[in-house]
């Protein structure tokens, strides 16, 4: 889930081009009703490289372009279907939920699983198994975006509205949808833990056996010197609110994280994850620390300076076993290097 506050809704910079990127094997499945959301027939003018002429068409174009961005980095073997809607989500004058996403299913012990007895999102599982593991008319990922931003209502983010351009040229008072979709798709692909943070319990099989998930394999609490798979449920409950001590131990992220220059983003030399003193539903543990500088795509709130950057997200996916491409396009911007 990505939130926004008015103070960080501006100042986006794009480096690089979104042209000539194919959508690959991602398919955006429109789940909105007629005349609403992705089917909204309101006429609009093309904007920022988005040539849609209705509101619904422009929204769909952004979702497909963001999926295409991810398709550059993941070695997809099968079709990944993303069910998408525009709905009214939580919002007030100073903050609000921009979007949410998650996997519709998980799998373990499939052909090609990197670690036995471990949960993987269904999108990763079918990619590694090179076979769809669910019915062809179902979606692997669900994602929602806040339609209230198109109302221009001051009760939602002070009247800020969506920007549907595929560039960084959104005017003052707009929120670019493109980086929000990148962020949410990452959650659906596996940037999240399945642990119940209130109880510390791991997700169980149908037979009642709790299994680790691929993400939690790389979580460690530096204060107690324990990895999450080795903790009791009660220890995970305590660790989930133990900022600044919860870190990511994956080797790919570790090798690239020196590109984050603010020492406050690290604990014991490893990049921190978000573990505030009280559980933030949809945000705790399944994001990087907001102390990172340069800012990262997968922080809990949208950061200025992020548009099409994936920064350390592909590195984390590599750690959890995704087949990742690092193509000949820039991964990092500004102080980051390709």
Protein backbone atom coordinates (compact mmCIF):
# COMPACT_ATOMS: atom_id res chain seq x y z
CA UNK A 1 0.00 0.00 0.00
CA UNK A 2 1.27 3.46 -0.83
CA UNK A 3 0.17 6.55 1.02
CA UNK A 4 0.71 10.18 0.15
CA UNK A 5 0.77 13.40 2.11
CA UNK A 6 0.40 16.76 0.45
CA UNK A 7 3.98 17.77 1.27
CA UNK A 8 5.47 14.91 -0.77
CA UNK A 9 3.07 14.96 -3.66
CA UNK A 10 5.25 17.20 -5.82
CA UNK A 11 8.68 17.54 -7.38
CA UNK A 12 8.90 14.44 -9.58
CA UNK A 13 11.86 14.12 -11.95
CA UNK A 14 12.05 11.65 -14.84
CA UNK A 15 15.34 10.46 -16.29
CA UNK A 16 15.21 8.19 -19.31
CA UNK A 17 12.50 7.24 -21.77
CA UNK A 18 9.42 5.07 -21.50
CA UNK A 19 9.17 4.64 -25.26
CA UNK A 20 9.45 1.30 -27.04
CA UNK A 21 8.77 -0.75 -23.90
CA UNK A 22 6.54 -3.73 -24.60
CA UNK A 23 4.05 -4.98 -22.01
CA UNK A 24 5.55 -8.47 -22.19
CA UNK A 25 3.47 -11.11 -20.48
CA UNK A 26 1.66 -8.87 -18.01
CA UNK A 27 -2.05 -8.48 -18.73
CA UNK A 28 -4.10 -5.79 -16.97
CA UNK A 29 -7.60 -7.14 -16.36
CA UNK A 30 -10.21 -4.38 -16.12
CA UNK A 31 -12.56 -5.22 -13.22
CA UNK A 32 -14.40 -1.90 -13.12
CA UNK A 33 -18.13 -1.64 -13.90
CA UNK A 34 -19.36 0.15 -17.05
CA UNK A 35 -18.84 3.92 -17.16
CA UNK A 36 -16.59 3.97 -14.10
CA UNK A 37 -12.90 3.63 -13.25
CA UNK A 38 -11.02 2.12 -16.16
CA UNK A 39 -14.24 2.40 -18.21
CA UNK A 40 -14.90 6.06 -17.44
CA UNK A 41 -15.98 7.67 -20.75
CA UNK A 42 -15.24 11.27 -19.71
CA UNK A 43 -13.42 12.95 -22.64
CA UNK A 44 -9.89 14.16 -21.88
CA UNK A 45 -7.00 15.54 -23.92
CA UNK A 46 -3.78 13.52 -24.40
CA UNK A 47 -1.15 14.39 -21.80
CA UNK A 48 2.54 13.66 -21.29
CA UNK A 49 2.87 10.91 -23.88
CA UNK A 50 -0.44 9.31 -22.89
CA UNK A 51 -2.63 9.51 -26.00
CA UNK A 52 -5.84 8.25 -24.38
CA UNK A 53 -8.89 10.36 -25.16
CA UNK A 54 -11.10 9.21 -22.27
CA UNK A 55 -10.33 9.15 -18.55
CA UNK A 56 -10.66 5.37 -18.44
CA UNK A 57 -8.34 4.89 -21.41
CA UNK A 58 -5.66 7.13 -19.92
CA UNK A 59 -5.80 5.22 -16.63
CA UNK A 60 -5.40 1.91 -18.44
CA UNK A 61 -2.48 3.28 -20.48
CA UNK A 62 -0.61 4.16 -17.28
CA UNK A 63 -1.20 0.71 -15.78
CA UNK A 64 0.01 -0.99 -18.95
CA UNK A 65 3.10 1.24 -19.17
CA UNK A 66 4.05 0.48 -15.56
CA UNK A 67 3.58 -3.25 -16.17
CA UNK A 68 5.82 -2.89 -19.23
CA UNK A 69 8.48 -1.28 -17.05
CA UNK A 70 8.46 -4.31 -14.76
CA UNK A 71 8.52 -6.68 -17.74
CA UNK A 72 11.96 -5.27 -18.62
CA UNK A 73 13.39 -6.58 -15.38
CA UNK A 74 11.64 -9.93 -14.84
CA UNK A 75 12.29 -12.97 -17.00
CA UNK A 76 8.64 -13.90 -17.37
CA UNK A 77 7.75 -17.35 -18.68
CA UNK A 78 3.95 -17.21 -18.45
CA UNK A 79 1.19 -14.62 -18.52
CA UNK A 80 0.73 -12.70 -15.27
CA UNK A 81 -2.78 -11.28 -14.91
CA UNK A 82 -3.34 -8.17 -12.80
CA UNK A 83 -6.91 -7.38 -11.80
CA UNK A 84 -7.29 -3.61 -11.48
CA UNK A 85 -9.96 -1.19 -10.28
CA UNK A 86 -10.34 2.49 -9.40
CA UNK A 87 -12.28 2.80 -6.14
CA UNK A 88 -12.85 5.20 -3.28
CA UNK A 89 -10.03 4.61 -0.78
CA UNK A 90 -9.17 6.26 2.52
CA UNK A 91 -8.35 9.94 2.14
CA UNK A 92 -8.38 13.14 4.19
CA UNK A 93 -7.15 16.71 3.56
CA UNK A 94 -3.51 15.95 4.45
CA UNK A 95 -2.96 12.27 3.67
CA UNK A 96 -4.51 9.33 1.89
CA UNK A 97 -4.10 5.89 0.40
CA UNK A 98 -3.05 6.21 -3.24
CA UNK A 99 -3.19 2.52 -4.06
CA UNK A 100 -3.10 -1.01 -2.72
CA UNK A 101 -2.02 -4.34 -4.18
CA UNK A 102 -1.24 -7.89 -3.20
CA UNK A 103 -1.04 -11.44 -4.49
CA UNK A 104 -4.30 -13.31 -4.93
CA UNK A 105 -2.67 -16.61 -3.99
CA UNK A 106 0.59 -18.16 -2.84
CA UNK A 107 2.26 -21.50 -3.49
CA UNK A 108 4.96 -23.71 -1.98
CA UNK A 109 6.90 -26.80 -3.09
CA UNK A 110 6.14 -26.25 -6.78
CA UNK A 111 8.53 -27.27 -9.54
CA UNK A 112 11.43 -24.82 -9.50
CA UNK A 113 10.80 -23.46 -5.98
CA UNK A 114 14.07 -21.92 -4.71
CA UNK A 115 13.48 -23.07 -1.10
CA UNK A 116 11.32 -25.97 0.05
CA UNK A 117 8.39 -25.47 2.42
CA UNK A 118 8.34 -21.74 1.70
CA UNK A 119 5.52 -19.54 0.43
CA UNK A 120 5.98 -17.61 -2.83
CA UNK A 121 3.50 -15.25 -4.46
CA UNK A 122 1.55 -16.94 -7.22
CA UNK A 123 3.11 -14.65 -9.85
CA UNK A 124 6.61 -15.77 -8.86
CA UNK A 125 5.56 -19.40 -8.51
CA UNK A 126 4.08 -19.67 -11.99
CA UNK A 127 7.10 -17.90 -13.47
CA UNK A 128 9.52 -20.34 -11.86
CA UNK A 129 7.33 -23.37 -12.57
CA UNK A 130 6.82 -22.16 -16.16
CA UNK A 131 3.19 -23.17 -15.82
CA UNK A 132 0.05 -21.46 -14.57
CA UNK A 133 -1.02 -22.98 -11.25
CA UNK A 134 -4.51 -21.46 -11.14
CA UNK A 135 -7.47 -21.22 -13.49
CA UNK A 136 -6.85 -19.17 -16.61
CA UNK A 137 -9.77 -16.80 -15.91
CA UNK A 138 -8.42 -15.79 -12.49
CA UNK A 139 -5.95 -13.04 -11.70
CA UNK A 140 -2.63 -13.47 -9.92
CA UNK A 141 -2.46 -9.92 -8.50
CA UNK A 142 -5.17 -7.50 -7.38
CA UNK A 143 -4.60 -3.76 -7.32
CA UNK A 144 -6.77 -0.72 -6.55
CA UNK A 145 -6.25 3.04 -7.01
CA UNK A 146 -8.00 5.92 -5.32
CA UNK A 147 -10.59 7.38 -7.67
CA UNK A 148 -11.22 10.24 -5.22
CA UNK A 149 -8.15 12.06 -6.52
CA UNK A 150 -10.02 12.81 -9.73
CA UNK A 151 -12.77 14.65 -7.85
CA UNK A 152 -10.58 17.65 -7.02
CA UNK A 153 -12.11 17.53 -3.53
CA UNK A 154 -10.17 19.48 -0.88
CA UNK A 155 -11.17 16.77 1.61
CA UNK A 156 -8.81 14.42 -0.25
CA UNK A 157 -5.13 15.46 -0.28
CA UNK A 158 -6.09 19.10 -0.30
CA UNK A 159 -7.58 18.80 -3.80
CA UNK A 160 -4.52 17.22 -5.45
CA UNK A 161 -5.48 15.21 -8.53
CA UNK A 162 -3.95 12.35 -10.53
CA UNK A 163 -1.53 13.07 -13.34
CA UNK A 164 -1.80 10.47 -16.12
CA UNK A 165 1.21 11.49 -18.17
CA UNK A 166 3.99 8.98 -18.87
CA UNK A 167 6.57 11.65 -18.10
CA UNK A 168 7.52 13.85 -15.16
CA UNK A 169 5.70 16.95 -16.31
CA UNK A 170 2.76 16.88 -13.94
CA UNK A 171 1.72 20.40 -12.93
CA UNK A 172 1.60 21.67 -9.36
CA UNK A 173 -1.22 20.05 -7.41
CA UNK A 174 -1.07 16.67 -9.15
CA UNK A 175 0.11 13.19 -8.13
CA UNK A 176 1.65 11.04 -10.90
CA UNK A 177 -0.04 7.65 -11.13
CA UNK A 178 2.87 5.92 -12.88
CA UNK A 179 5.24 5.50 -9.87
CA UNK A 180 2.31 4.50 -7.66
CA UNK A 181 1.50 1.63 -10.03
CA UNK A 182 5.17 0.56 -10.08
CA UNK A 183 5.13 0.47 -6.29
CA UNK A 184 1.89 -1.49 -6.02
CA UNK A 185 2.83 -4.06 -8.65
CA UNK A 186 6.00 -4.74 -6.65
CA UNK A 187 3.86 -5.72 -3.65
CA UNK A 188 1.82 -8.07 -5.80
CA UNK A 189 5.00 -9.63 -7.17
CA UNK A 190 6.47 -10.36 -3.75
CA UNK A 191 7.68 -7.25 -1.93
CA UNK A 192 5.79 -8.17 1.26
CA UNK A 193 5.71 -10.63 4.12
CA UNK A 194 2.77 -12.96 4.78
CA UNK A 195 3.40 -12.94 8.54
CA UNK A 196 0.49 -11.68 10.66
CA UNK A 197 2.28 -8.80 12.38
CA UNK A 198 -0.24 -8.63 15.22
CA UNK A 199 0.28 -12.27 16.23
CA UNK A 200 3.64 -13.05 14.63
CA UNK A 201 2.11 -16.16 13.08
CA UNK A 202 3.25 -17.48 9.71
CA UNK A 203 0.73 -18.39 7.02
CA UNK A 204 -0.43 -22.00 7.39
CA UNK A 205 -1.03 -24.69 4.79
CA UNK A 206 -4.41 -26.37 4.48
CA UNK A 207 -3.11 -28.99 6.92
CA UNK A 208 -2.31 -26.32 9.51
CA UNK A 209 1.46 -26.29 9.03
CA UNK A 210 2.99 -22.77 9.28
CA UNK A 211 5.55 -22.00 6.58
CA UNK A 212 8.08 -19.22 6.12
CA UNK A 213 7.54 -16.87 3.21
CA UNK A 214 10.27 -15.94 0.74
CA UNK A 215 10.43 -12.32 1.96
CA UNK A 216 10.81 -13.08 5.67
CA UNK A 217 13.81 -15.35 4.95
CA UNK A 218 15.90 -12.16 4.66
CA UNK A 219 14.59 -10.24 7.68
CA UNK A 220 16.82 -9.95 10.72
CA UNK A 221 16.58 -8.10 14.02
CA UNK A 222 20.01 -6.71 14.82
CA UNK A 223 19.18 -5.98 18.45
CA UNK A 224 18.28 -9.58 19.35
CA UNK A 225 20.60 -11.01 16.67
CA UNK A 226 17.97 -13.30 15.21
CA UNK A 227 16.57 -13.93 11.74
CA UNK A 228 12.79 -13.94 11.44
CA UNK A 229 12.52 -17.65 10.49
CA UNK A 230 14.33 -18.53 13.74
CA UNK A 231 12.01 -16.45 15.95
CA UNK A 232 8.94 -17.49 17.88
CA UNK A 233 5.65 -15.80 17.02
CA UNK A 234 6.00 -13.57 20.08
CA UNK A 235 9.52 -12.56 19.07
CA UNK A 236 8.31 -11.55 15.60
CA UNK A 237 5.57 -9.42 17.19
CA UNK A 238 8.24 -7.54 19.17
CA UNK A 239 10.58 -7.28 16.19
CA UNK A 240 7.89 -5.85 13.90
CA UNK A 241 7.92 -2.63 15.96
CA UNK A 242 11.64 -2.56 16.72
CA UNK A 243 12.90 0.31 14.56
CA UNK A 244 15.72 0.90 13.71
CA UNK A 245 16.91 -2.68 14.17
CA UNK A 246 15.06 -4.70 11.50
CA UNK A 247 17.15 -5.12 8.36
CA UNK A 248 17.32 -6.92 5.02
CA UNK A 249 20.09 -9.53 4.76
CA UNK A 250 19.80 -10.51 1.08
CA UNK A 251 23.17 -10.51 -0.73
CA UNK A 252 22.04 -8.68 -3.87
CA UNK A 253 20.57 -5.76 -1.96
CA UNK A 254 23.60 -5.75 0.34
CA UNK A 255 25.94 -5.51 -2.63
CA UNK A 256 24.06 -2.53 -4.10
CA UNK A 257 22.85 -0.72 -0.99
CA UNK A 258 25.99 1.42 -0.69
CA UNK A 259 24.25 3.58 -3.28
CA UNK A 260 22.03 4.74 -0.41
CA UNK A 261 24.22 7.40 1.13
CA UNK A 262 22.43 8.33 4.37
CA UNK A 263 23.88 6.26 7.24
CA UNK A 264 20.56 6.56 9.09
CA UNK A 265 19.11 4.06 6.60
CA UNK A 266 21.35 1.28 7.94
CA UNK A 267 21.72 -0.82 11.07
CA UNK A 268 24.88 -2.85 11.46
CA UNK A 269 25.75 -2.14 7.84
CA UNK A 270 22.48 -3.55 6.44
CA UNK A 271 19.58 -1.61 4.94
CA UNK A 272 16.66 -1.12 7.29
CA UNK A 273 13.06 -2.04 6.66
CA UNK A 274 10.13 -0.03 8.04
CA UNK A 275 9.35 -1.18 11.60
CA UNK A 276 7.76 1.79 13.43
CA UNK A 277 6.82 1.61 17.11
CA UNK A 278 3.19 0.84 16.28
CA UNK A 279 2.04 -1.48 13.50
CA UNK A 280 1.01 0.43 10.39
CA UNK A 281 -1.38 -1.83 8.51
CA UNK A 282 -0.12 -2.41 4.98
CA UNK A 283 3.13 -0.51 5.63
CA UNK A 284 5.11 -2.08 8.48
CA UNK A 285 7.91 -4.49 7.48
CA UNK A 286 6.85 -4.64 3.80
CA UNK A 287 8.67 -1.39 2.90
CA UNK A 288 12.13 0.13 3.14
CA UNK A 289 12.85 2.64 5.87
CA UNK A 290 11.74 6.19 5.01
CA UNK A 291 15.21 7.35 6.16
CA UNK A 292 16.80 6.25 2.86
CA UNK A 293 18.56 8.93 0.82
CA UNK A 294 18.35 8.98 -2.17
CA UNK A 295 14.71 7.98 -1.64
CA UNK A 296 13.53 4.54 -2.73
CA UNK A 297 10.46 3.42 -4.65
CA UNK A 298 9.35 0.99 -1.93
CA UNK A 299 9.08 3.40 0.98
CA UNK A 300 5.68 3.56 2.72
CA UNK A 301 4.88 7.04 1.39
CA UNK A 302 5.53 8.38 -2.10
CA UNK A 303 8.78 10.29 -2.27
CA UNK A 304 9.75 13.30 -4.40
CA UNK A 305 12.25 12.41 -7.09
CA UNK A 306 10.75 9.01 -7.89
CA UNK A 307 9.02 8.44 -11.22
CA UNK A 308 10.17 5.42 -13.25
CA UNK A 309 13.01 4.39 -10.90
CA UNK A 310 13.01 0.82 -9.58
CA UNK A 311 16.28 1.34 -7.63
CA UNK A 312 16.82 -1.57 -5.17
CA UNK A 313 13.52 -3.33 -5.88
CA UNK A 314 14.89 -5.66 -8.60
CA UNK A 315 17.79 -6.47 -6.26
CA UNK A 316 15.35 -7.55 -3.56
CA UNK A 317 13.46 -9.66 -6.09
CA UNK A 318 16.73 -11.33 -7.04
CA UNK A 319 17.33 -12.14 -3.36
CA UNK A 320 13.94 -13.88 -3.01
CA UNK A 321 14.51 -15.96 -6.14
CA UNK A 322 12.89 -14.08 -9.00
CA UNK A 323 14.73 -14.46 -12.32
CA UNK A 324 15.78 -10.83 -12.77
CA UNK A 325 17.14 -9.09 -15.83
CA UNK A 326 19.29 -6.02 -15.34
CA UNK A 327 18.85 -4.65 -18.88
CA UNK A 328 20.94 -1.98 -20.56
CA UNK A 329 18.85 0.83 -19.12
CA UNK A 330 19.53 2.80 -15.97
CA UNK A 331 18.31 1.27 -12.75
CA UNK A 332 19.44 4.09 -10.52
CA UNK A 333 19.25 7.82 -11.03
CA UNK A 334 20.97 10.90 -9.65
CA UNK A 335 23.64 9.57 -7.24
CA UNK A 336 22.77 6.03 -8.20
CA UNK A 337 24.64 4.33 -11.01
CA UNK A 338 23.40 1.68 -13.47
